[in-house]
Amino acid sequence: MKLARFWARQTADATNREGKRIRAAARGWSNDSLEAAAAMALQTAQRVVALVAEGRTKLQRYQYGDRPIPEPVIRQFPDPVIQQMGGVSIARAVVTRNVYGALVLNTNDLMFIDIDSDDAPPKPATSIAAGLMSLFRKKQQPVVHPASTSIEDSIAQVGEANGLSLRLYKTAGGYRAIVTNLTQTATDETSLALLHEFGSDPLYVHLCKQQESFRARLTPKPWRMKMWEPPVTYPFQTQQEQQRFDRWNADYVAASARFATCRFIKAVGDSEPAPGFQELIDFHDEQTKAQISLPLA
């Protein structure tokens, strides 16, 4: 799971060949201290602004898939197995806040599957290996589904074909499923093939692989509640920025009370949840209001 405890943003100035003053901003991170994160941010900003001043690159925003996502850690769930063995506490799951202010559950081995209902239903396959082979085909042929086969039925069929127990949810944009009886690893090719077999969003699959974790949004998207996104982005450079975000977040939390993020539909399979999963499932359902009849956002 690629997460960092400390984040900072720094700026650096330089003069380009035309004598124009330019500025670049960069984020830095560290698991040791805020000072270390700030030092990294300053070094990055200085390096970027120097390249821009030399005309070797342009100022723009990048999403580095191989770096931690700049999200503050809100809560951690220690691994119960590691704790029982007397080892160093390791987080099995972490709640963070994403760039548009929603809370996200990041998990090491509890697989979340996001499925866009606008796409074709997932193709039932006889095994995960069949899904893995499909990743290497140069051109995938369109799949013809019986008219009576709904997306929900197709998701259930994929789960049953692979011996999985699932919890299935409706979201505003499609569906979400949780694999409850088996641990998965986001960097494992078999797990990635399984996500593809379910018809999961390719961008979500890529993010899971790069960040070495599965992700599930817990709270609504602000624009679905007719709200603007946060006026400032994390990490905050000043106390004033923090206060601006806090005011926005108070409105966001109040608006979120009227919406659910997903709605529980049904369980597939009869296996008991794997050790440590029940706490995370209960937390997910509580935070998303999955058992409450509210508009989805």
Foldseek 3Di string as FASTA:
>chain_A
DFDFAEKDKDKDWDAAPVRDIDMFMFMAGHNPDNVNRVVRRVVVNVVVNVCVSDVNDDDDDDDDLQHHAQWHWDDFAWDPVCVVVVHDTDGQWTWTAHFQGFIKIWGQWKAKAAAFQVDDAFAQDQELVVLLVVVPDPDDDDDDDPPPQHSVNSLLNNQVSHVFKWWWKAFPGGIMIIGFAGTDKLQDSSVLSSSVRRRGDPVQSSSCNSSGTHMDTLFARQVVLVHDGQPDGPPDHDVVSVVSRVVSVVVRVVSRVQEAGIATDDMHDDDHGDPPVVVVVVVSCVSRVRHDPHHHD
